[in-house]
N, C-alpha and C. Protein backbone atom coordinates (compact mmCIF):
# COMPACT_ATOMS: atom_id res chain seq x y z
N ASP A 1 0.84 -1.19 0.00
CA ASP A 1 0.00 0.00 0.00
C ASP A 1 0.88 1.25 0.00
N GLN A 2 0.32 2.33 -0.54
CA GLN A 2 0.99 3.63 -0.50
C GLN A 2 0.13 4.60 0.28
N VAL A 3 0.77 5.62 0.83
CA VAL A 3 0.02 6.70 1.45
C VAL A 3 0.28 7.96 0.61
N LEU A 4 -0.82 8.56 0.15
CA LEU A 4 -0.73 9.76 -0.65
C LEU A 4 -1.10 10.97 0.20
N ARG A 5 -0.35 12.04 0.07
CA ARG A 5 -0.71 13.32 0.70
C ARG A 5 -1.41 14.14 -0.38
N ILE A 6 -2.66 14.46 -0.12
CA ILE A 6 -3.51 15.12 -1.11
C ILE A 6 -3.89 16.50 -0.59
N THR A 7 -3.85 17.49 -1.49
CA THR A 7 -4.25 18.83 -1.09
C THR A 7 -5.34 19.31 -2.04
N ALA A 8 -6.53 19.47 -1.50
CA ALA A 8 -7.67 19.98 -2.28
C ALA A 8 -7.57 21.50 -2.33
N SER A 9 -7.91 22.07 -3.49
CA SER A 9 -7.79 23.52 -3.63
C SER A 9 -9.11 24.25 -3.36
N ASP A 10 -10.23 23.51 -3.35
CA ASP A 10 -11.52 24.17 -3.08
C ASP A 10 -12.51 23.15 -2.50
N GLU A 11 -13.68 23.65 -2.12
CA GLU A 11 -14.71 22.79 -1.50
C GLU A 11 -15.17 21.67 -2.43
N GLU A 12 -15.22 21.96 -3.72
CA GLU A 12 -15.64 20.94 -4.70
C GLU A 12 -14.69 19.75 -4.68
N GLN A 13 -13.39 20.03 -4.63
CA GLN A 13 -12.40 18.94 -4.57
C GLN A 13 -12.50 18.18 -3.26
N ILE A 14 -12.80 18.87 -2.17
CA ILE A 14 -12.98 18.19 -0.88
C ILE A 14 -14.15 17.22 -0.97
N THR A 15 -15.23 17.65 -1.59
CA THR A 15 -16.40 16.78 -1.78
C THR A 15 -16.01 15.57 -2.62
N MET A 16 -15.23 15.78 -3.68
CA MET A 16 -14.78 14.67 -4.54
C MET A 16 -13.93 13.68 -3.74
N LEU A 17 -13.09 14.19 -2.86
CA LEU A 17 -12.25 13.31 -2.03
C LEU A 17 -13.11 12.47 -1.08
N ARG A 18 -14.13 13.09 -0.54
CA ARG A 18 -15.03 12.34 0.35
C ARG A 18 -15.75 11.24 -0.42
N VAL A 19 -16.17 11.54 -1.64
CA VAL A 19 -16.81 10.53 -2.49
C VAL A 19 -15.82 9.40 -2.79
N LEU A 20 -14.57 9.77 -3.08
CA LEU A 20 -13.52 8.77 -3.32
C LEU A 20 -13.37 7.85 -2.12
N GLY A 21 -13.39 8.41 -0.92
CA GLY A 21 -13.25 7.63 0.31
C GLY A 21 -14.40 6.67 0.55
N GLU A 22 -15.55 6.95 -0.05
CA GLU A 22 -16.73 6.09 0.12
C GLU A 22 -16.81 4.96 -0.90
N GLN A 23 -15.88 4.91 -1.84
CA GLN A 23 -15.88 3.85 -2.85
C GLN A 23 -15.33 2.56 -2.22
N ALA A 24 -16.23 1.71 -1.76
CA ALA A 24 -15.84 0.50 -1.02
C ALA A 24 -14.89 -0.39 -1.81
N GLU A 25 -15.09 -0.49 -3.13
CA GLU A 25 -14.27 -1.40 -3.93
C GLU A 25 -12.80 -0.96 -3.99
N LEU A 26 -12.51 0.31 -3.73
CA LEU A 26 -11.12 0.78 -3.75
C LEU A 26 -10.39 0.47 -2.45
N GLN A 27 -11.13 0.27 -1.36
CA GLN A 27 -10.58 -0.05 -0.05
C GLN A 27 -9.55 0.98 0.43
N VAL A 28 -9.82 2.26 0.15
CA VAL A 28 -8.92 3.32 0.62
C VAL A 28 -9.28 3.68 2.06
N ASP A 29 -8.32 4.31 2.74
CA ASP A 29 -8.49 4.62 4.15
C ASP A 29 -7.85 5.97 4.44
N PHE A 30 -8.67 6.97 4.82
CA PHE A 30 -8.11 8.27 5.17
C PHE A 30 -7.41 8.20 6.52
N TRP A 31 -6.14 8.56 6.55
CA TRP A 31 -5.41 8.68 7.80
C TRP A 31 -5.59 10.08 8.37
N ARG A 32 -5.78 11.02 7.47
CA ARG A 32 -6.12 12.40 7.84
C ARG A 32 -7.18 12.83 6.83
N HIS A 33 -8.38 13.10 7.31
CA HIS A 33 -9.50 13.41 6.43
C HIS A 33 -9.39 14.80 5.82
N PRO A 34 -9.96 14.97 4.61
CA PRO A 34 -9.97 16.30 4.00
C PRO A 34 -10.92 17.20 4.79
N THR A 35 -10.44 18.36 5.22
CA THR A 35 -11.26 19.25 6.04
C THR A 35 -11.53 20.59 5.37
N SER A 36 -10.47 21.23 4.89
CA SER A 36 -10.67 22.52 4.24
C SER A 36 -9.62 22.72 3.14
N PRO A 37 -9.93 23.57 2.16
CA PRO A 37 -8.99 23.80 1.05
C PRO A 37 -7.61 24.21 1.56
N GLY A 38 -6.58 23.63 0.94
CA GLY A 38 -5.21 23.94 1.31
C GLY A 38 -4.67 23.09 2.45
N GLN A 39 -5.54 22.40 3.18
CA GLN A 39 -5.10 21.51 4.27
C GLN A 39 -4.86 20.11 3.71
N PRO A 40 -3.72 19.51 4.02
CA PRO A 40 -3.44 18.18 3.46
C PRO A 40 -4.33 17.09 4.05
N ALA A 41 -4.64 16.11 3.22
CA ALA A 41 -5.33 14.89 3.63
C ALA A 41 -4.41 13.74 3.29
N ASP A 42 -4.35 12.73 4.15
CA ASP A 42 -3.50 11.56 3.90
C ASP A 42 -4.38 10.35 3.66
N LEU A 43 -4.11 9.65 2.56
CA LEU A 43 -4.95 8.55 2.12
C LEU A 43 -4.12 7.30 1.87
N ARG A 44 -4.44 6.21 2.60
CA ARG A 44 -3.76 4.93 2.34
C ARG A 44 -4.50 4.25 1.20
N VAL A 45 -3.73 3.83 0.19
CA VAL A 45 -4.31 3.22 -1.00
C VAL A 45 -3.66 1.86 -1.23
N PRO A 46 -4.46 0.78 -1.27
CA PRO A 46 -3.90 -0.54 -1.58
C PRO A 46 -3.32 -0.54 -3.00
N PHE A 47 -2.24 -1.27 -3.22
CA PHE A 47 -1.60 -1.29 -4.54
C PHE A 47 -2.57 -1.59 -5.68
N PRO A 48 -3.52 -2.54 -5.54
CA PRO A 48 -4.43 -2.81 -6.67
C PRO A 48 -5.31 -1.61 -7.05
N SER A 49 -5.53 -0.67 -6.14
CA SER A 49 -6.38 0.50 -6.41
C SER A 49 -5.59 1.74 -6.79
N LEU A 50 -4.27 1.64 -6.71
CA LEU A 50 -3.41 2.82 -6.86
C LEU A 50 -3.61 3.55 -8.20
N GLN A 51 -3.61 2.80 -9.28
CA GLN A 51 -3.73 3.44 -10.60
C GLN A 51 -5.08 4.16 -10.73
N ALA A 52 -6.16 3.52 -10.30
CA ALA A 52 -7.49 4.12 -10.40
C ALA A 52 -7.58 5.40 -9.56
N VAL A 53 -7.00 5.38 -8.36
CA VAL A 53 -7.04 6.54 -7.48
C VAL A 53 -6.23 7.69 -8.08
N LYS A 54 -5.04 7.39 -8.59
CA LYS A 54 -4.20 8.44 -9.17
C LYS A 54 -4.86 9.04 -10.41
N ILE A 55 -5.48 8.21 -11.23
CA ILE A 55 -6.20 8.71 -12.41
C ILE A 55 -7.35 9.62 -11.97
N PHE A 56 -8.09 9.20 -10.94
CA PHE A 56 -9.19 10.02 -10.41
C PHE A 56 -8.68 11.39 -9.96
N LEU A 57 -7.59 11.39 -9.19
CA LEU A 57 -7.03 12.64 -8.68
C LEU A 57 -6.57 13.54 -9.84
N GLU A 58 -5.82 12.94 -10.77
CA GLU A 58 -5.30 13.73 -11.88
C GLU A 58 -6.41 14.26 -12.78
N SER A 59 -7.43 13.44 -13.04
CA SER A 59 -8.52 13.88 -13.92
C SER A 59 -9.37 14.98 -13.28
N ASN A 60 -9.30 15.10 -11.95
CA ASN A 60 -10.02 16.16 -11.24
C ASN A 60 -9.09 17.29 -10.79
N SER A 61 -7.86 17.28 -11.32
CA SER A 61 -6.85 18.32 -11.02
C SER A 61 -6.60 18.48 -9.52
N ILE A 62 -6.61 17.35 -8.81
CA ILE A 62 -6.33 17.37 -7.36
C ILE A 62 -4.86 16.99 -7.17
N SER A 63 -4.11 17.89 -6.54
CA SER A 63 -2.67 17.63 -6.40
C SER A 63 -2.40 16.63 -5.27
N TYR A 64 -1.39 15.80 -5.49
CA TYR A 64 -1.00 14.80 -4.50
C TYR A 64 0.48 14.52 -4.61
N SER A 65 1.03 13.96 -3.55
CA SER A 65 2.40 13.45 -3.58
C SER A 65 2.41 12.14 -2.81
N ILE A 66 3.44 11.35 -3.03
CA ILE A 66 3.56 10.07 -2.33
C ILE A 66 4.25 10.32 -1.00
N MET A 67 3.52 10.08 0.08
CA MET A 67 4.07 10.30 1.42
C MET A 67 4.83 9.06 1.90
N ILE A 68 4.23 7.88 1.70
CA ILE A 68 4.88 6.61 2.05
C ILE A 68 4.79 5.71 0.82
N GLU A 69 5.94 5.33 0.32
CA GLU A 69 6.02 4.53 -0.90
C GLU A 69 5.46 3.12 -0.70
N ASP A 70 5.82 2.50 0.44
CA ASP A 70 5.41 1.12 0.69
C ASP A 70 5.19 0.92 2.20
N VAL A 71 3.94 0.94 2.62
CA VAL A 71 3.60 0.82 4.04
C VAL A 71 4.11 -0.51 4.61
N GLN A 72 3.94 -1.59 3.86
CA GLN A 72 4.35 -2.91 4.35
C GLN A 72 5.84 -2.95 4.66
N GLU A 73 6.64 -2.30 3.82
CA GLU A 73 8.08 -2.26 4.05
C GLU A 73 8.40 -1.60 5.39
N LEU A 74 7.70 -0.51 5.71
CA LEU A 74 7.91 0.16 7.00
C LEU A 74 7.48 -0.72 8.16
N LEU A 75 6.35 -1.43 7.99
CA LEU A 75 5.88 -2.33 9.04
C LEU A 75 6.89 -3.45 9.28
N ASP A 76 7.43 -4.00 8.20
CA ASP A 76 8.43 -5.07 8.33
C ASP A 76 9.68 -4.57 9.06
N GLU A 77 10.11 -3.35 8.72
CA GLU A 77 11.27 -2.75 9.39
C GLU A 77 11.02 -2.58 10.88
N GLU A 78 9.83 -2.07 11.21
CA GLU A 78 9.47 -1.86 12.62
C GLU A 78 9.45 -3.18 13.38
N LYS A 79 8.90 -4.21 12.73
CA LYS A 79 8.83 -5.53 13.36
C LYS A 79 10.23 -6.08 13.62
N LYS A 80 11.13 -5.88 12.65
CA LYS A 80 12.51 -6.33 12.79
C LYS A 80 13.18 -5.61 13.96
N THR A 81 12.96 -4.32 14.06
CA THR A 81 13.53 -3.52 15.15
C THR A 81 12.99 -3.99 16.50
N MET A 82 11.68 -4.27 16.54
CA MET A 82 11.09 -4.75 17.80
C MET A 82 11.66 -6.10 18.20
N THR A 83 11.82 -6.99 17.23
CA THR A 83 12.36 -8.33 17.51
C THR A 83 13.79 -8.22 18.05
N LYS A 84 14.59 -7.38 17.38
CA LYS A 84 15.98 -7.17 17.82
C LYS A 84 16.00 -6.56 19.22
N SER A 85 15.10 -5.63 19.47
CA SER A 85 15.03 -4.93 20.75
C SER A 85 14.67 -5.89 21.89
N ARG A 86 13.85 -6.90 21.59
CA ARG A 86 13.43 -7.86 22.61
C ARG A 86 14.60 -8.71 23.12
N ARG A 87 15.61 -8.87 22.27
CA ARG A 87 16.74 -9.72 22.66
C ARG A 87 17.71 -9.00 23.60
N VAL A 88 17.57 -7.68 23.70
CA VAL A 88 18.47 -6.90 24.55
C VAL A 88 17.94 -6.91 25.97
N GLU A 89 18.84 -7.17 26.91
CA GLU A 89 18.42 -7.17 28.31
C GLU A 89 17.98 -5.77 28.71
N ARG A 90 16.90 -5.70 29.47
CA ARG A 90 16.29 -4.41 29.81
C ARG A 90 16.91 -3.78 31.06
N SER A 91 17.13 -2.50 30.95
CA SER A 91 17.45 -1.67 32.12
C SER A 91 16.98 -0.27 31.77
N THR A 92 16.84 0.58 32.75
CA THR A 92 16.35 1.93 32.45
C THR A 92 17.32 2.70 31.57
N SER A 93 18.58 2.36 31.61
CA SER A 93 19.55 3.10 30.79
C SER A 93 19.55 2.64 29.32
N THR A 94 19.08 1.41 29.05
CA THR A 94 19.09 0.92 27.67
C THR A 94 17.71 0.85 27.04
N PHE A 95 16.64 1.11 27.80
CA PHE A 95 15.28 1.02 27.27
C PHE A 95 15.08 2.11 26.22
N ASP A 96 14.57 1.72 25.06
CA ASP A 96 14.36 2.68 23.96
C ASP A 96 12.93 3.22 24.04
N PHE A 97 12.80 4.41 24.57
CA PHE A 97 11.48 5.02 24.74
C PHE A 97 10.90 5.51 23.42
N ALA A 98 11.71 5.61 22.38
CA ALA A 98 11.24 6.11 21.09
C ALA A 98 10.64 5.00 20.23
N SER A 99 10.76 3.76 20.63
CA SER A 99 10.25 2.64 19.85
C SER A 99 8.96 2.10 20.45
N TYR A 100 8.16 1.46 19.59
CA TYR A 100 6.94 0.81 20.06
C TYR A 100 7.31 -0.44 20.83
N HIS A 101 6.62 -0.69 21.97
CA HIS A 101 6.84 -1.88 22.76
C HIS A 101 5.52 -2.53 23.09
N THR A 102 5.51 -3.85 23.18
CA THR A 102 4.30 -4.55 23.59
C THR A 102 4.08 -4.28 25.08
N ILE A 103 2.90 -4.55 25.56
CA ILE A 103 2.57 -4.32 26.98
C ILE A 103 3.45 -5.18 27.87
N ASP A 104 3.80 -6.40 27.40
CA ASP A 104 4.67 -7.29 28.18
C ASP A 104 6.07 -6.69 28.37
N GLU A 105 6.56 -6.03 27.34
CA GLU A 105 7.89 -5.43 27.43
C GLU A 105 7.91 -4.25 28.39
N VAL A 106 6.83 -3.50 28.41
CA VAL A 106 6.77 -2.32 29.27
C VAL A 106 6.64 -2.78 30.71
């Protein structure tokens, strides 16, 4: 999946984005909903829907950029970091407060 950062320029484009979000077959997911013109909206798009979504945005002159190229790759990286982190003996001086931890680790 990719995450697109979308910026609507007017209320009409915001309405179009909301309609896009309601298309069940695309399985898109707003991480940050479109609220007002000029404010960015973040949309997770599954790879099979990517081309259709980009065509929709371009055909409606809605500007976007790719915020996250591959969500799964980031998830895999985070999981690897967590696994490696679990093998390290815990103490207050070595605990990584910037990383996600399971409730058992905390």
